[in-house]
Amino acid sequence: MRPLPVSVRRIGNSLGVVIPKPVLAQVGLSEQAELTVERGAIVLRKPRKAARSGWAKAAQSVATQDEDELLMGEFANAADVELEW
């Protein structure tokens, strides 16, 4: 893509740039982005997924299907007999 001239505008107490919708669509950005400065350039990226993203939904799905038994069964450590509960 060739360089696209844009204007830096005042937005409240800040400055901003309006990014054309086709450019956002081309890179898959919609509501949020990660902004960094790299070697003097402003870089926008798709946000990374949070660690364990989707785990809660997957666990609920497994639980509703009654498939939430332990895969390895119950087991104890050798030193557990010495523990007082």
N, C-alpha and C. Protein backbone atom coordinates (compact mmCIF):
# COMPACT_ATOMS: atom_id res chain seq x y z
N MET A 1 0.85 -1.18 0.00
CA MET A 1 0.00 0.00 0.00
C MET A 1 0.90 1.25 0.00
N ARG A 2 0.57 2.17 -0.80
CA ARG A 2 1.35 3.41 -0.83
C ARG A 2 0.96 4.30 0.34
N PRO A 3 1.83 5.21 0.75
CA PRO A 3 1.53 6.10 1.87
C PRO A 3 0.24 6.90 1.64
N LEU A 4 -0.53 7.02 2.70
CA LEU A 4 -1.81 7.74 2.63
C LEU A 4 -1.70 8.97 3.54
N PRO A 5 -1.78 10.17 2.97
CA PRO A 5 -1.67 11.35 3.82
C PRO A 5 -2.91 11.50 4.71
N VAL A 6 -2.69 11.77 6.00
CA VAL A 6 -3.79 12.00 6.94
C VAL A 6 -3.47 13.24 7.76
N SER A 7 -4.50 13.85 8.30
CA SER A 7 -4.33 15.04 9.13
C SER A 7 -4.34 14.66 10.59
N VAL A 8 -3.48 15.30 11.37
CA VAL A 8 -3.50 15.14 12.82
C VAL A 8 -4.43 16.23 13.33
N ARG A 9 -5.46 15.83 14.08
CA ARG A 9 -6.50 16.76 14.52
C ARG A 9 -6.57 16.83 16.03
N ARG A 10 -7.05 17.94 16.51
CA ARG A 10 -7.28 18.10 17.94
C ARG A 10 -8.57 17.38 18.29
N ILE A 11 -8.49 16.51 19.31
CA ILE A 11 -9.65 15.80 19.84
C ILE A 11 -9.63 16.02 21.35
N GLY A 12 -10.42 16.97 21.83
CA GLY A 12 -10.38 17.33 23.24
C GLY A 12 -9.02 17.90 23.58
N ASN A 13 -8.37 17.34 24.62
CA ASN A 13 -7.03 17.79 25.01
C ASN A 13 -5.93 16.98 24.32
N SER A 14 -6.29 16.13 23.40
CA SER A 14 -5.33 15.25 22.73
C SER A 14 -5.29 15.56 21.24
N LEU A 15 -4.45 14.82 20.54
CA LEU A 15 -4.41 14.88 19.09
C LEU A 15 -4.76 13.49 18.58
N GLY A 16 -5.37 13.43 17.41
CA GLY A 16 -5.76 12.13 16.87
C GLY A 16 -5.71 12.11 15.36
N VAL A 17 -5.77 10.91 14.83
CA VAL A 17 -5.77 10.67 13.40
C VAL A 17 -6.99 9.81 13.09
N VAL A 18 -7.73 10.17 12.07
CA VAL A 18 -8.85 9.35 11.63
C VAL A 18 -8.32 8.36 10.60
N ILE A 19 -8.52 7.08 10.89
CA ILE A 19 -8.04 6.03 9.98
C ILE A 19 -9.23 5.58 9.13
N PRO A 20 -9.10 5.64 7.82
CA PRO A 20 -10.22 5.24 6.96
C PRO A 20 -10.67 3.80 7.21
N LYS A 21 -11.97 3.58 7.17
CA LYS A 21 -12.55 2.27 7.44
C LYS A 21 -11.97 1.16 6.56
N PRO A 22 -11.75 1.38 5.25
CA PRO A 22 -11.17 0.32 4.43
C PRO A 22 -9.77 -0.12 4.91
N VAL A 23 -8.99 0.82 5.45
CA VAL A 23 -7.66 0.48 5.95
C VAL A 23 -7.80 -0.39 7.20
N LEU A 24 -8.70 -0.01 8.10
CA LEU A 24 -8.94 -0.82 9.30
C LEU A 24 -9.43 -2.22 8.94
N ALA A 25 -10.33 -2.30 7.98
CA ALA A 25 -10.86 -3.60 7.55
C ALA A 25 -9.76 -4.46 6.94
N GLN A 26 -8.85 -3.84 6.21
CA GLN A 26 -7.78 -4.57 5.54
C GLN A 26 -6.88 -5.29 6.55
N VAL A 27 -6.67 -4.70 7.71
CA VAL A 27 -5.81 -5.31 8.72
C VAL A 27 -6.60 -6.00 9.83
N GLY A 28 -7.92 -5.93 9.78
CA GLY A 28 -8.74 -6.64 10.74
C GLY A 28 -8.91 -5.94 12.08
N LEU A 29 -8.76 -4.61 12.12
CA LEU A 29 -8.99 -3.86 13.35
C LEU A 29 -10.43 -3.37 13.38
N SER A 30 -11.03 -3.42 14.57
CA SER A 30 -12.39 -2.89 14.67
C SER A 30 -12.52 -1.96 15.86
N GLU A 31 -12.71 -2.49 17.06
CA GLU A 31 -12.99 -1.63 18.21
C GLU A 31 -11.77 -1.33 19.07
N GLN A 32 -10.79 -2.22 19.12
CA GLN A 32 -9.61 -1.99 19.95
C GLN A 32 -8.36 -2.38 19.19
N ALA A 33 -7.25 -1.77 19.61
CA ALA A 33 -5.95 -2.07 19.00
C ALA A 33 -4.87 -1.87 20.05
N GLU A 34 -3.71 -2.47 19.82
CA GLU A 34 -2.53 -2.21 20.65
C GLU A 34 -1.67 -1.19 19.91
N LEU A 35 -1.27 -0.15 20.64
CA LEU A 35 -0.46 0.90 20.05
C LEU A 35 0.94 0.86 20.66
N THR A 36 1.95 0.85 19.81
CA THR A 36 3.34 0.90 20.26
C THR A 36 4.10 1.89 19.38
N VAL A 37 5.27 2.27 19.85
CA VAL A 37 6.19 3.08 19.05
C VAL A 37 7.42 2.22 18.80
N GLU A 38 7.73 2.01 17.54
CA GLU A 38 8.86 1.18 17.15
C GLU A 38 9.73 1.92 16.15
N ARG A 39 10.98 2.15 16.54
CA ARG A 39 11.95 2.85 15.68
C ARG A 39 11.37 4.14 15.10
N GLY A 40 10.70 4.91 15.96
CA GLY A 40 10.17 6.21 15.55
C GLY A 40 8.87 6.15 14.77
N ALA A 41 8.23 4.98 14.69
CA ALA A 41 6.96 4.84 13.97
C ALA A 41 5.86 4.42 14.94
N ILE A 42 4.66 4.94 14.74
CA ILE A 42 3.50 4.53 15.53
C ILE A 42 2.94 3.27 14.88
N VAL A 43 2.79 2.20 15.67
CA VAL A 43 2.34 0.92 15.13
C VAL A 43 1.06 0.50 15.84
N LEU A 44 0.03 0.17 15.07
CA LEU A 44 -1.22 -0.38 15.60
C LEU A 44 -1.30 -1.84 15.24
N ARG A 45 -1.67 -2.67 16.22
CA ARG A 45 -1.82 -4.12 15.98
C ARG A 45 -3.12 -4.60 16.57
N LYS A 46 -3.59 -5.74 16.08
CA LYS A 46 -4.73 -6.40 16.70
C LYS A 46 -4.37 -6.74 18.13
N PRO A 47 -5.31 -6.57 19.07
CA PRO A 47 -5.00 -6.92 20.46
C PRO A 47 -4.74 -8.42 20.59
N ARG A 48 -3.78 -8.77 21.45
CA ARG A 48 -3.53 -10.18 21.72
C ARG A 48 -4.65 -10.73 22.58
N LYS A 49 -4.94 -11.99 22.39
CA LYS A 49 -5.94 -12.63 23.25
C LYS A 49 -5.34 -12.80 24.64
N ALA A 50 -6.18 -12.60 25.63
CA ALA A 50 -5.73 -12.77 27.01
C ALA A 50 -5.37 -14.24 27.26
N ALA A 51 -4.44 -14.46 28.16
CA ALA A 51 -4.08 -15.83 28.53
C ALA A 51 -5.33 -16.54 29.04
N ARG A 52 -5.47 -17.78 28.68
CA ARG A 52 -6.61 -18.62 29.08
C ARG A 52 -7.94 -18.09 28.53
N SER A 53 -7.88 -17.34 27.47
CA SER A 53 -9.10 -16.82 26.85
C SER A 53 -9.97 -17.98 26.38
N GLY A 54 -11.21 -17.99 26.79
CA GLY A 54 -12.15 -19.02 26.37
C GLY A 54 -12.18 -20.24 27.27
N TRP A 55 -11.30 -20.31 28.28
CA TRP A 55 -11.26 -21.49 29.16
C TRP A 55 -12.55 -21.63 29.96
N ALA A 56 -13.09 -20.54 30.48
CA ALA A 56 -14.30 -20.61 31.31
C ALA A 56 -15.47 -21.16 30.50
N LYS A 57 -15.62 -20.69 29.28
CA LYS A 57 -16.71 -21.18 28.42
C LYS A 57 -16.53 -22.67 28.10
N ALA A 58 -15.29 -23.07 27.83
CA ALA A 58 -15.02 -24.48 27.53
C ALA A 58 -15.30 -25.35 28.75
N ALA A 59 -14.93 -24.89 29.94
CA ALA A 59 -15.17 -25.65 31.17
C ALA A 59 -16.67 -25.80 31.43
N GLN A 60 -17.44 -24.74 31.18
CA GLN A 60 -18.88 -24.83 31.35
C GLN A 60 -19.48 -25.83 30.38
N SER A 61 -18.98 -25.84 29.16
CA SER A 61 -19.47 -26.78 28.16
C SER A 61 -19.21 -28.23 28.58
N VAL A 62 -18.01 -28.49 29.09
CA VAL A 62 -17.67 -29.84 29.55
C VAL A 62 -18.54 -30.23 30.73
N ALA A 63 -18.76 -29.31 31.67
CA ALA A 63 -19.55 -29.60 32.86
C ALA A 63 -21.01 -29.90 32.51
N THR A 64 -21.57 -29.21 31.55
CA THR A 64 -22.96 -29.46 31.18
C THR A 64 -23.14 -30.80 30.46
N GLN A 65 -22.06 -31.36 29.95
CA GLN A 65 -22.12 -32.65 29.26
C GLN A 65 -21.76 -33.81 30.18
N ASP A 66 -21.61 -33.52 31.48
CA ASP A 66 -21.24 -34.53 32.47
C ASP A 66 -19.96 -35.27 32.09
N GLU A 67 -19.01 -34.54 31.54
CA GLU A 67 -17.72 -35.13 31.15
C GLU A 67 -16.59 -34.50 31.95
N ASP A 68 -16.86 -34.12 33.20
CA ASP A 68 -15.84 -33.40 33.96
C ASP A 68 -15.17 -34.28 35.02
N GLU A 69 -15.14 -35.61 34.80
CA GLU A 69 -14.44 -36.48 35.74
C GLU A 69 -12.93 -36.32 35.56
N LEU A 70 -12.18 -36.70 36.58
CA LEU A 70 -10.73 -36.61 36.49
C LEU A 70 -10.21 -37.60 35.46
N LEU A 71 -9.31 -37.15 34.62
CA LEU A 71 -8.77 -38.02 33.58
C LEU A 71 -7.83 -39.08 34.15
N MET A 72 -7.11 -38.73 35.22
CA MET A 72 -6.13 -39.66 35.79
C MET A 72 -6.65 -40.30 37.07
N GLY A 73 -7.88 -40.03 37.46
CA GLY A 73 -8.40 -40.59 38.70
C GLY A 73 -7.80 -39.90 39.91
N GLU A 74 -8.19 -40.34 41.10
CA GLU A 74 -7.63 -39.78 42.33
C GLU A 74 -6.27 -40.43 42.59
N PHE A 75 -5.31 -39.66 43.00
CA PHE A 75 -4.02 -40.21 43.37
C PHE A 75 -3.41 -39.32 44.44
N ALA A 76 -2.55 -39.88 45.23
CA ALA A 76 -1.92 -39.13 46.32
C ALA A 76 -0.41 -39.17 46.17
N ASN A 77 0.24 -38.26 46.85
CA ASN A 77 1.70 -38.25 46.89
C ASN A 77 2.15 -39.14 48.05
N ALA A 78 3.33 -39.70 47.95
CA ALA A 78 3.84 -40.60 48.98
C ALA A 78 3.89 -39.93 50.35
N ALA A 79 4.16 -38.64 50.41
CA ALA A 79 4.29 -37.94 51.68
C ALA A 79 2.95 -37.50 52.27
N ASP A 80 1.86 -37.72 51.55
CA ASP A 80 0.55 -37.27 52.05
C ASP A 80 0.12 -37.94 53.34
N VAL A 81 0.58 -39.17 53.62
CA VAL A 81 0.19 -39.85 54.85
C VAL A 81 0.66 -39.12 56.08
N GLU A 82 1.72 -38.32 55.95
CA GLU A 82 2.26 -37.57 57.09
C GLU A 82 1.51 -36.29 57.36
N LEU A 83 0.64 -35.88 56.46
CA LEU A 83 -0.09 -34.61 56.61
C LEU A 83 -1.25 -34.77 57.56
N GLU A 84 -1.50 -33.75 58.37
CA GLU A 84 -2.65 -33.74 59.25
C GLU A 84 -3.64 -32.71 58.71
N TRP A 85 -4.88 -33.10 58.56
CA TRP A 85 -5.89 -32.21 58.01
C TRP A 85 -6.75 -31.66 59.09
